[in-house]
Amino acid sequence: MPLYPYRCTQCGHRFEKIQSFSAEPEKECPKCQGLLERPLTAPGLQFKGAGWYVNDYAPKGGSSSSESTKTEAKAETKAPCGDGAGACASCPAATPAATS
C-alpha cells in the first residue's frame, strides 16, 4: 500500500498516511480541521539487476583502459611465474643459450 503525504493549507501541518489505492483521500487536518492537500512527491525507485550501470554497456574496444589492460596482459605472458628471473622452466632466462 502506498504512503501518501498530506499538507494543511491553513496551519501548514504535514503528515503521511498509508492508504490503499481505492481509499478516499483525507480532507480535514487532524490539528486545526483545515483543508488538506496531497502534494506531489518523487517516486521511490530501485533499479536492481544487471544492465543499469555504464560498465554493463561499455564498448568492446577503443577505450584507453582496455589498451592498458592488454599491455599488462602481455607483461604477464613474458614471466608467468611473476619474478622473471628464470626460476621456472617457462621463463626465457631458464632456457640454455644457443652455442655455435
PDB file of N, CA and C in Angstrom:
ATOM      1  N   MET A   1       0.841  -1.181   0.000  1.00  0.00           N
ATOM      2  CA  MET A   1       0.000   0.000   0.000  1.00  0.00           C
ATOM      3  C   MET A   1       0.886   1.244   0.000  1.00  0.00           C
ATOM      4  N   PRO A   2       0.498   2.232  -0.752  1.00  0.00           N
ATOM      5  CA  PRO A   2       1.318   3.443  -0.861  1.00  0.00           C
ATOM      6  C   PRO A   2       1.216   4.354   0.362  1.00  0.00           C
ATOM      7  N   LEU A   3       2.245   5.138   0.513  1.00  0.00           N
ATOM      8  CA  LEU A   3       2.336   6.130   1.586  1.00  0.00           C
ATOM      9  C   LEU A   3       2.087   7.498   0.955  1.00  0.00           C
ATOM     10  N   TYR A   4       1.020   8.176   1.384  1.00  0.00           N
ATOM     11  CA  TYR A   4       0.651   9.467   0.815  1.00  0.00           C
ATOM     12  C   TYR A   4       1.000  10.604   1.771  1.00  0.00           C
ATOM     13  N   PRO A   5       1.665  11.655   1.269  1.00  0.00           N
ATOM     14  CA  PRO A   5       1.920  12.836   2.112  1.00  0.00           C
ATOM     15  C   PRO A   5       0.724  13.785   2.049  1.00  0.00           C
ATOM     16  N   TYR A   6       0.477  14.457   3.154  1.00  0.00           N
ATOM     17  CA  TYR A   6      -0.587  15.464   3.235  1.00  0.00           C
ATOM     18  C   TYR A   6      -0.018  16.742   3.833  1.00  0.00           C
ATOM     19  N   ARG A   7      -0.623  17.890   3.447  1.00  0.00           N
ATOM     20  CA  ARG A   7      -0.232  19.188   3.992  1.00  0.00           C
ATOM     21  C   ARG A   7      -1.489  20.028   4.182  1.00  0.00           C
ATOM     22  N   CYS A   8      -1.583  20.648   5.350  1.00  0.00           N
ATOM     23  CA  CYS A   8      -2.727  21.508   5.640  1.00  0.00           C
ATOM     24  C   CYS A   8      -2.506  22.868   4.987  1.00  0.00           C
ATOM     25  N   THR A   9      -3.522  23.391   4.343  1.00  0.00           N
ATOM     26  CA  THR A   9      -3.413  24.697   3.685  1.00  0.00           C
ATOM     27  C   THR A   9      -3.532  25.860   4.668  1.00  0.00           C
ATOM     28  N   GLN A  10      -4.043  25.587   5.877  1.00  0.00           N
ATOM     29  CA  GLN A  10      -4.213  26.662   6.854  1.00  0.00           C
ATOM     30  C   GLN A  10      -3.060  26.741   7.852  1.00  0.00           C
ATOM     31  N   CYS A  11      -2.741  25.618   8.520  1.00  0.00           N
ATOM     32  CA  CYS A  11      -1.704  25.668   9.559  1.00  0.00           C
ATOM     33  C   CYS A  11      -0.345  25.150   9.075  1.00  0.00           C
ATOM     34  N   GLY A  12      -0.292  24.517   7.904  1.00  0.00           N
ATOM     35  CA  GLY A  12       0.984  24.023   7.379  1.00  0.00           C
ATOM     36  C   GLY A  12       1.413  22.676   7.937  1.00  0.00           C
ATOM     37  N   HIS A  13       0.591  22.041   8.750  1.00  0.00           N
ATOM     38  CA  HIS A  13       0.913  20.729   9.331  1.00  0.00           C
ATOM     39  C   HIS A  13       1.108  19.704   8.216  1.00  0.00           C
ATOM     40  N   ARG A  14       2.187  18.928   8.336  1.00  0.00           N
ATOM     41  CA  ARG A  14       2.488  17.896   7.346  1.00  0.00           C
ATOM     42  C   ARG A  14       2.487  16.535   8.022  1.00  0.00           C
ATOM     43  N   PHE A  15       1.944  15.539   7.314  1.00  0.00           N
ATOM     44  CA  PHE A  15       1.974  14.171   7.814  1.00  0.00           C
ATOM     45  C   PHE A  15       1.818  13.222   6.642  1.00  0.00           C
ATOM     46  N   GLU A  16       2.084  11.943   6.892  1.00  0.00           N
ATOM     47  CA  GLU A  16       1.965  10.906   5.882  1.00  0.00           C
ATOM     48  C   GLU A  16       1.005   9.841   6.383  1.00  0.00           C
ATOM     49  N   LYS A  17       0.302   9.211   5.461  1.00  0.00           N
ATOM     50  CA  LYS A  17      -0.645   8.171   5.831  1.00  0.00           C
ATOM     51  C   LYS A  17      -0.596   7.053   4.806  1.00  0.00           C
ATOM     52  N   ILE A  18      -0.561   5.815   5.291  1.00  0.00           N
ATOM     53  CA  ILE A  18      -0.604   4.646   4.415  1.00  0.00           C
ATOM     54  C   ILE A  18      -2.065   4.374   4.087  1.00  0.00           C
ATOM     55  N   GLN A  19      -2.376   4.381   2.785  1.00  0.00           N
ATOM     56  CA  GLN A  19      -3.740   4.157   2.326  1.00  0.00           C
ATOM     57  C   GLN A  19      -3.721   3.268   1.091  1.00  0.00           C
ATOM     58  N   SER A  20      -4.788   2.556   0.878  1.00  0.00           N
ATOM     59  CA  SER A  20      -4.904   1.753  -0.343  1.00  0.00           C
ATOM     60  C   SER A  20      -5.197   2.688  -1.521  1.00  0.00           C
ATOM     61  N   PHE A  21      -5.043   2.175  -2.720  1.00  0.00           N
ATOM     62  CA  PHE A  21      -5.289   2.986  -3.913  1.00  0.00           C
ATOM     63  C   PHE A  21      -6.752   3.416  -4.002  1.00  0.00           C
ATOM     64  N   SER A  22      -7.641   2.569  -3.536  1.00  0.00           N
ATOM     65  CA  SER A  22      -9.070   2.859  -3.664  1.00  0.00           C
ATOM     66  C   SER A  22      -9.621   3.723  -2.522  1.00  0.00           C
ATOM     67  N   ALA A  23      -8.830   3.989  -1.493  1.00  0.00           N
ATOM     68  CA  ALA A  23      -9.304   4.772  -0.341  1.00  0.00           C
ATOM     69  C   ALA A  23      -9.478   6.247  -0.727  1.00  0.00           C
ATOM     70  N   GLU A  24     -10.446   6.878  -0.127  1.00  0.00           N
ATOM     71  CA  GLU A  24     -10.677   8.307  -0.345  1.00  0.00           C
ATOM     72  C   GLU A  24      -9.560   9.104   0.335  1.00  0.00           C
ATOM     73  N   PRO A  25      -9.065  10.172  -0.306  1.00  0.00           N
ATOM     74  CA  PRO A  25      -8.031  10.986   0.341  1.00  0.00           C
ATOM     75  C   PRO A  25      -8.581  11.729   1.556  1.00  0.00           C
ATOM     76  N   GLU A  26      -7.687  11.993   2.496  1.00  0.00           N
ATOM     77  CA  GLU A  26      -8.072  12.761   3.690  1.00  0.00           C
ATOM     78  C   GLU A  26      -8.438  14.181   3.261  1.00  0.00           C
ATOM     79  N   LYS A  27      -9.412  14.768   3.943  1.00  0.00           N
ATOM     80  CA  LYS A  27      -9.870  16.112   3.577  1.00  0.00           C
ATOM     81  C   LYS A  27      -9.716  17.125   4.705  1.00  0.00           C
ATOM     82  N   GLU A  28      -9.583  16.649   5.949  1.00  0.00           N
ATOM     83  CA  GLU A  28      -9.567  17.540   7.100  1.00  0.00           C
ATOM     84  C   GLU A  28      -8.304  17.345   7.927  1.00  0.00           C
ATOM     85  N   CYS A  29      -7.648  18.460   8.285  1.00  0.00           N
ATOM     86  CA  CYS A  29      -6.423  18.427   9.092  1.00  0.00           C
ATOM     87  C   CYS A  29      -6.753  17.915  10.505  1.00  0.00           C
ATOM     88  N   PRO A  30      -5.941  16.970  11.037  1.00  0.00           N
ATOM     89  CA  PRO A  30      -6.215  16.464  12.374  1.00  0.00           C
ATOM     90  C   PRO A  30      -5.908  17.484  13.476  1.00  0.00           C
ATOM     91  N   LYS A  31      -5.162  18.534  13.187  1.00  0.00           N
ATOM     92  CA  LYS A  31      -4.819  19.543  14.210  1.00  0.00           C
ATOM     93  C   LYS A  31      -5.790  20.717  14.237  1.00  0.00           C
ATOM     94  N   CYS A  32      -6.088  21.290  13.056  1.00  0.00           N
ATOM     95  CA  CYS A  32      -6.906  22.511  13.032  1.00  0.00           C
ATOM     96  C   CYS A  32      -8.203  22.356  12.238  1.00  0.00           C
ATOM     97  N   GLN A  33      -8.468  21.180  11.717  1.00  0.00           N
ATOM     98  CA  GLN A  33      -9.639  20.878  10.898  1.00  0.00           C
ATOM     99  C   GLN A  33      -9.697  21.717   9.616  1.00  0.00           C
ATOM    100  N   GLY A  34      -8.501  22.150   9.166  1.00  0.00           N
ATOM    101  CA  GLY A  34      -8.417  22.905   7.915  1.00  0.00           C
ATOM    102  C   GLY A  34      -8.419  21.973   6.715  1.00  0.00           C
ATOM    103  N   LEU A  35      -8.380  22.560   5.540  1.00  0.00           N
ATOM    104  CA  LEU A  35      -8.398  21.824   4.287  1.00  0.00           C
ATOM    105  C   LEU A  35      -7.024  21.218   4.001  1.00  0.00           C
ATOM    106  N   LEU A  36      -6.979  19.946   3.612  1.00  0.00           N
ATOM    107  CA  LEU A  36      -5.726  19.257   3.297  1.00  0.00           C
ATOM    108  C   LEU A  36      -5.518  19.184   1.796  1.00  0.00           C
ATOM    109  N   GLU A  37      -4.261  19.148   1.399  1.00  0.00           N
ATOM    110  CA  GLU A  37      -3.903  18.878   0.012  1.00  0.00           C
ATOM    111  C   GLU A  37      -2.851  17.780  -0.004  1.00  0.00           C
ATOM    112  N   ARG A  38      -2.801  17.049  -1.098  1.00  0.00           N
ATOM    113  CA  ARG A  38      -1.803  15.990  -1.256  1.00  0.00           C
ATOM    114  C   ARG A  38      -0.741  16.468  -2.244  1.00  0.00           C
ATOM    115  N   PRO A  39       0.410  16.927  -1.748  1.00  0.00           N
ATOM    116  CA  PRO A  39       1.453  17.419  -2.669  1.00  0.00           C
ATOM    117  C   PRO A  39       2.078  16.273  -3.461  1.00  0.00           C
ATOM    118  N   LEU A  40       2.568  16.595  -4.635  1.00  0.00           N
ATOM    119  CA  LEU A  40       3.253  15.598  -5.469  1.00  0.00           C
ATOM    120  C   LEU A  40       4.655  15.356  -4.928  1.00  0.00           C
ATOM    121  N   THR A  41       5.059  14.116  -4.933  1.00  0.00           N
ATOM    122  CA  THR A  41       6.405  13.746  -4.486  1.00  0.00           C
ATOM    123  C   THR A  41       7.053  12.855  -5.536  1.00  0.00           C
ATOM    124  N   ALA A  42       8.354  12.768  -5.483  1.00  0.00           N
ATOM    125  CA  ALA A  42       9.092  11.891  -6.399  1.00  0.00           C
ATOM    126  C   ALA A  42       8.899  10.441  -5.958  1.00  0.00           C
ATOM    127  N   PRO A  43       8.715   9.539  -6.903  1.00  0.00           N
ATOM    128  CA  PRO A  43       8.532   8.135  -6.524  1.00  0.00           C
ATOM    129  C   PRO A  43       9.852   7.528  -6.059  1.00  0.00           C
ATOM    130  N   GLY A  44       9.768   6.564  -5.177  1.00  0.00           N
ATOM    131  CA  GLY A  44      10.959   5.853  -4.721  1.00  0.00           C
ATOM    132  C   GLY A  44      11.219   4.671  -5.634  1.00  0.00           C
ATOM    133  N   LEU A  45      12.259   4.748  -6.439  1.00  0.00           N
ATOM    134  CA  LEU A  45      12.583   3.679  -7.382  1.00  0.00           C
ATOM    135  C   LEU A  45      13.897   3.023  -7.004  1.00  0.00           C
ATOM    136  N   GLN A  46      13.963   1.716  -7.198  1.00  0.00           N
ATOM    137  CA  GLN A  46      15.210   0.983  -7.019  1.00  0.00           C
ATOM    138  C   GLN A  46      15.430   0.151  -8.264  1.00  0.00           C
ATOM    139  N   PHE A  47      16.550   0.375  -8.928  1.00  0.00           N
ATOM    140  CA  PHE A  47      16.903  -0.400 -10.099  1.00  0.00           C
ATOM    141  C   PHE A  47      17.808  -1.527  -9.659  1.00  0.00           C
ATOM    142  N   LYS A  48      17.325  -2.760  -9.803  1.00  0.00           N
ATOM    143  CA  LYS A  48      18.097  -3.920  -9.383  1.00  0.00           C
ATOM    144  C   LYS A  48      18.397  -4.778 -10.588  1.00  0.00           C
ATOM    145  N   GLY A  49      19.503  -5.501 -10.525  1.00  0.00           N
ATOM    146  CA  GLY A  49      19.871  -6.412 -11.602  1.00  0.00           C
ATOM    147  C   GLY A  49      20.891  -5.804 -12.533  1.00  0.00           C
ATOM    148  N   ALA A  50      21.290  -6.584 -13.512  1.00  0.00           N
ATOM    149  CA  ALA A  50      22.318  -6.155 -14.468  1.00  0.00           C
ATOM    150  C   ALA A  50      21.714  -5.208 -15.498  1.00  0.00           C
ATOM    151  N   GLY A  51      22.570  -4.383 -16.090  1.00  0.00           N
ATOM    152  CA  GLY A  51      22.153  -3.516 -17.179  1.00  0.00           C
ATOM    153  C   GLY A  51      21.833  -2.102 -16.787  1.00  0.00           C
ATOM    154  N   TRP A  52      22.029  -1.705 -15.550  1.00  0.00           N
ATOM    155  CA  TRP A  52      21.684  -0.362 -15.118  1.00  0.00           C
ATOM    156  C   TRP A  52      22.895   0.539 -14.959  1.00  0.00           C
ATOM    157  N   TYR A  53      24.097   0.030 -15.180  1.00  0.00           N
ATOM    158  CA  TYR A  53      25.299   0.822 -14.971  1.00  0.00           C
ATOM    159  C   TYR A  53      26.053   0.986 -16.277  1.00  0.00           C
ATOM    160  N   VAL A  54      26.866   2.003 -16.359  1.00  0.00           N
ATOM    161  CA  VAL A  54      27.634   2.298 -17.551  1.00  0.00           C
ATOM    162  C   VAL A  54      28.565   1.142 -17.914  1.00  0.00           C
ATOM    163  N   ASN A  55      29.175   0.518 -16.923  1.00  0.00           N
ATOM    164  CA  ASN A  55      30.125  -0.550 -17.233  1.00  0.00           C
ATOM    165  C   ASN A  55      29.427  -1.799 -17.772  1.00  0.00           C
ATOM    166  N   ASP A  56      28.114  -1.926 -17.642  1.00  0.00           N
ATOM    167  CA  ASP A  56      27.401  -3.049 -18.227  1.00  0.00           C
ATOM    168  C   ASP A  56      27.271  -2.901 -19.737  1.00  0.00           C
ATOM    169  N   TYR A  57      27.341  -1.675 -20.242  1.00  0.00           N
ATOM    170  CA  TYR A  57      27.207  -1.425 -21.664  1.00  0.00           C
ATOM    171  C   TYR A  57      28.465  -0.786 -22.260  1.00  0.00           C
ATOM    172  N   ALA A  58      29.594  -1.026 -21.646  1.00  0.00           N
ATOM    173  CA  ALA A  58      30.841  -0.422 -22.128  1.00  0.00           C
ATOM    174  C   ALA A  58      31.183  -0.985 -23.505  1.00  0.00           C
ATOM    175  N   PRO A  59      31.754  -0.159 -24.385  1.00  0.00           N
ATOM    176  CA  PRO A  59      32.143  -0.653 -25.712  1.00  0.00           C
ATOM    177  C   PRO A  59      33.247  -1.697 -25.605  1.00  0.00           C
ATOM    178  N   LYS A  60      33.258  -2.609 -26.578  1.00  0.00           N
ATOM    179  CA  LYS A  60      34.226  -3.714 -26.553  1.00  0.00           C
ATOM    180  C   LYS A  60      35.652  -3.247 -26.827  1.00  0.00           C
ATOM    181  N   GLY A  61      35.846  -2.218 -27.603  1.00  0.00           N
ATOM    182  CA  GLY A  61      37.203  -1.785 -27.927  1.00  0.00           C
ATOM    183  C   GLY A  61      37.294  -0.290 -28.092  1.00  0.00           C
ATOM    184  N   GLY A  62      38.524   0.201 -28.209  1.00  0.00           N
ATOM    185  CA  GLY A  62      38.725   1.604 -28.472  1.00  0.00           C
ATOM    186  C   GLY A  62      38.893   2.471 -27.248  1.00  0.00           C
ATOM    187  N   SER A  63      38.804   1.915 -26.075  1.00  0.00           N
ATOM    188  CA  SER A  63      38.990   2.745 -24.891  1.00  0.00           C
ATOM    189  C   SER A  63      40.424   2.613 -24.398  1.00  0.00           C
ATOM    190  N   SER A  64      40.915   3.650 -23.754  1.00  0.00           N
ATOM    191  CA  SER A  64      42.294   3.634 -23.278  1.00  0.00           C
ATOM    192  C   SER A  64      42.480   2.670 -22.122  1.00  0.00           C
ATOM    193  N   SER A  65      41.442   2.415 -21.337  1.00  0.00           N
ATOM    194  CA  SER A  65      41.576   1.492 -20.208  1.00  0.00           C
ATOM    195  C   SER A  65      41.772   0.062 -20.694  1.00  0.00           C
ATOM    196  N   SER A  66      41.140  -0.319 -21.818  1.00  0.00           N
ATOM    197  CA  SER A  66      41.320  -1.673 -22.326  1.00  0.00           C
ATOM    198  C   SER A  66      42.713  -1.840 -22.929  1.00  0.00           C
ATOM    199  N   GLU A  67      43.289  -0.757 -23.485  1.00  0.00           N
ATOM    200  CA  GLU A  67      44.640  -0.845 -24.028  1.00  0.00           C
ATOM    201  C   GLU A  67      45.654  -1.064 -22.916  1.00  0.00           C
ATOM    202  N   SER A  68      45.481  -0.417 -21.782  1.00  0.00           N
ATOM    203  CA  SER A  68      46.406  -0.613 -20.674  1.00  0.00           C
ATOM    204  C   SER A  68      46.258  -2.020 -20.109  1.00  0.00           C
ATOM    205  N   THR A  69      45.076  -2.586 -20.149  1.00  0.00           N
ATOM    206  CA  THR A  69      44.872  -3.957 -19.698  1.00  0.00           C
ATOM    207  C   THR A  69      45.580  -4.926 -20.628  1.00  0.00           C
ATOM    208  N   LYS A  70      45.553  -4.658 -21.938  1.00  0.00           N
ATOM    209  CA  LYS A  70      46.252  -5.512 -22.900  1.00  0.00           C
ATOM    210  C   LYS A  70      47.758  -5.456 -22.673  1.00  0.00           C
ATOM    211  N   THR A  71      48.273  -4.274 -22.352  1.00  0.00           N
ATOM    212  CA  THR A  71      49.705  -4.130 -22.089  1.00  0.00           C
ATOM    213  C   THR A  71      50.093  -4.921 -20.849  1.00  0.00           C
ATOM    214  N   GLU A  72      49.267  -4.868 -19.826  1.00  0.00           N
ATOM    215  CA  GLU A  72      49.540  -5.632 -18.611  1.00  0.00           C
ATOM    216  C   GLU A  72      49.485  -7.124 -18.887  1.00  0.00           C
ATOM    217  N   ALA A  73      48.567  -7.552 -19.742  1.00  0.00           N
ATOM    218  CA  ALA A  73      48.444  -8.967 -20.065  1.00  0.00           C
ATOM    219  C   ALA A  73      49.683  -9.452 -20.807  1.00  0.00           C
ATOM    220  N   LYS A  74      50.249  -8.621 -21.706  1.00  0.00           N
ATOM    221  CA  LYS A  74      51.470  -9.002 -22.421  1.00  0.00           C
ATOM    222  C   LYS A  74      52.638  -9.122 -21.451  1.00  0.00           C
ATOM    223  N   ALA A  75      52.717  -8.234 -20.471  1.00  0.00           N
ATOM    224  CA  ALA A  75      53.800  -8.291 -19.486  1.00  0.00           C
ATOM    225  C   ALA A  75      53.694  -9.560 -18.657  1.00  0.00           C
ATOM    226  N   GLU A  76      52.489 -10.012 -18.380  1.00  0.00           N
ATOM    227  CA  GLU A  76      52.301 -11.229 -17.602  1.00  0.00           C
ATOM    228  C   GLU A  76      52.698 -12.455 -18.393  1.00  0.00           C
ATOM    229  N   THR A  77      52.507 -12.447 -19.725  1.00  0.00           N
ATOM    230  CA  THR A  77      52.859 -13.616 -20.520  1.00  0.00           C
ATOM    231  C   THR A  77      54.364 -13.767 -20.652  1.00  0.00           C
ATOM    232  N   LYS A  78      55.110 -12.711 -20.496  1.00  0.00           N
ATOM    233  CA  LYS A  78      56.566 -12.813 -20.564  1.00  0.00           C
ATOM    234  C   LYS A  78      57.120 -13.551 -19.364  1.00  0.00           C
ATOM    235  N   ALA A  79      56.552 -13.355 -18.181  1.00  0.00           N
ATOM    236  CA  ALA A  79      57.035 -14.001 -16.969  1.00  0.00           C
ATOM    237  C   ALA A  79      55.850 -14.550 -16.180  1.00  0.00           C
ATOM    238  N   PRO A  80      55.391 -15.763 -16.548  1.00  0.00           N
ATOM    239  CA  PRO A  80      54.223 -16.288 -15.880  1.00  0.00           C
ATOM    240  C   PRO A  80      54.442 -16.579 -14.400  1.00  0.00           C
ATOM    241  N   CYS A  81      55.691 -16.825 -13.996  1.00  0.00           N
ATOM    242  CA  CYS A  81      55.912 -17.111 -12.581  1.00  0.00           C
ATOM    243  C   CYS A  81      55.898 -15.840 -11.751  1.00  0.00           C
ATOM    244  N   GLY A  82      56.031 -14.695 -12.394  1.00  0.00           N
ATOM    245  CA  GLY A  82      55.930 -13.443 -11.682  1.00  0.00           C
ATOM    246  C   GLY A  82      57.272 -12.804 -11.373  1.00  0.00           C
ATOM    247  N   ASP A  83      58.347 -13.593 -11.307  1.00  0.00           N
ATOM    248  CA  ASP A  83      59.616 -12.964 -10.946  1.00  0.00           C
ATOM    249  C   ASP A  83      60.470 -12.630 -12.166  1.00  0.00           C
ATOM    250  N   GLY A  84      60.331 -13.386 -13.264  1.00  0.00           N
ATOM    251  CA  GLY A  84      61.083 -13.094 -14.481  1.00  0.00           C
ATOM    252  C   GLY A  84      62.570 -13.335 -14.349  1.00  0.00           C
ATOM    253  N   ALA A  85      62.990 -13.997 -13.295  1.00  0.00           N
ATOM    254  CA  ALA A  85      64.417 -14.226 -13.082  1.00  0.00           C
ATOM    255  C   ALA A  85      64.872 -15.591 -13.589  1.00  0.00           C
ATOM    256  N   GLY A  86      63.977 -16.345 -14.215  1.00  0.00           N
ATOM    257  CA  GLY A  86      64.364 -17.636 -14.743  1.00  0.00           C
ATOM    258  C   GLY A  86      64.236 -18.750 -13.717  1.00  0.00           C
ATOM    259  N   ALA A  87      63.419 -18.552 -12.727  1.00  0.00           N
ATOM    260  CA  ALA A  87      63.273 -19.562 -11.688  1.00  0.00           C
ATOM    261  C   ALA A  87      62.407 -20.728 -12.139  1.00  0.00           C
ATOM    262  N   CYS A  88      61.598 -20.573 -13.161  1.00  0.00           N
ATOM    263  CA  CYS A  88      60.765 -21.677 -13.628  1.00  0.00           C
ATOM    264  C   CYS A  88      61.153 -22.043 -15.054  1.00  0.00           C
ATOM    265  N   ALA A  89      60.667 -23.179 -15.517  1.00  0.00           N
ATOM    266  CA  ALA A  89      61.037 -23.683 -16.843  1.00  0.00           C
ATOM    267  C   ALA A  89      60.431 -22.843 -17.962  1.00  0.00           C
ATOM    268  N   SER A  90      59.370 -22.121 -17.694  1.00  0.00           N
ATOM    269  CA  SER A  90      58.720 -21.343 -18.750  1.00  0.00           C
ATOM    270  C   SER A  90      59.313 -19.946 -18.912  1.00  0.00           C
ATOM    271  N   CYS A  91      60.212 -19.531 -18.018  1.00  0.00           N
ATOM    272  CA  CYS A  91      60.843 -18.225 -18.139  1.00  0.00           C
ATOM    273  C   CYS A  91      61.905 -18.267 -19.247  1.00  0.00           C
ATOM    274  N   PRO A  92      62.032 -17.174 -20.001  1.00  0.00           N
ATOM    275  CA  PRO A  92      63.023 -17.130 -21.096  1.00  0.00           C
ATOM    276  C   PRO A  92      64.453 -17.303 -20.596  1.00  0.00           C
ATOM    277  N   ALA A  93      64.729 -16.859 -19.393  1.00  0.00           N
ATOM    278  CA  ALA A  93      66.090 -16.944 -18.870  1.00  0.00           C
ATOM    279  C   ALA A  93      66.431 -18.374 -18.450  1.00  0.00           C
ATOM    280  N   ALA A  94      65.433 -19.246 -18.298  1.00  0.00           N
ATOM    281  CA  ALA A  94      65.670 -20.609 -17.863  1.00  0.00           C
ATOM    282  C   ALA A  94      66.159 -21.509 -18.986  1.00  0.00           C
ATOM    283  N   THR A  95      65.891 -21.115 -20.247  1.00  0.00           N
ATOM    284  CA  THR A  95      66.329 -21.944 -21.377  1.00  0.00           C
ATOM    285  C   THR A  95      67.803 -21.678 -21.626  1.00  0.00           C
ATOM    286  N   PRO A  96      68.574 -22.716 -21.932  1.00  0.00           N
ATOM    287  CA  PRO A  96      70.010 -22.514 -22.179  1.00  0.00           C
ATOM    288  C   PRO A  96      70.254 -21.728 -23.460  1.00  0.00           C
ATOM    289  N   ALA A  97      71.288 -20.938 -23.447  1.00  0.00           N
ATOM    290  CA  ALA A  97      71.641 -20.125 -24.603  1.00  0.00           C
ATOM    291  C   ALA A  97      72.214 -21.018 -25.691  1.00  0.00           C
ATOM    292  N   ALA A  98      71.902 -20.675 -26.935  1.00  0.00           N
ATOM    293  CA  ALA A  98      72.403 -21.447 -28.057  1.00  0.00           C
ATOM    294  C   ALA A  98      73.881 -21.140 -28.248  1.00  0.00           C
ATOM    295  N   THR A  99      74.691 -22.217 -28.422  1.00  0.00           N
ATOM    296  CA  THR A  99      76.128 -22.022 -28.651  1.00  0.00           C
ATOM    297  C   THR A  99      76.462 -22.387 -30.065  1.00  0.00           C
ATOM    298  N   SER A 100      77.432 -21.726 -30.639  1.00  0.00           N
ATOM    299  CA  SER A 100      77.794 -22.048 -32.015  1.00  0.00           C
ATOM    300  C   SER A 100      79.167 -22.639 -32.106  1.00  0.00           C
TER     301      SER A 100
END
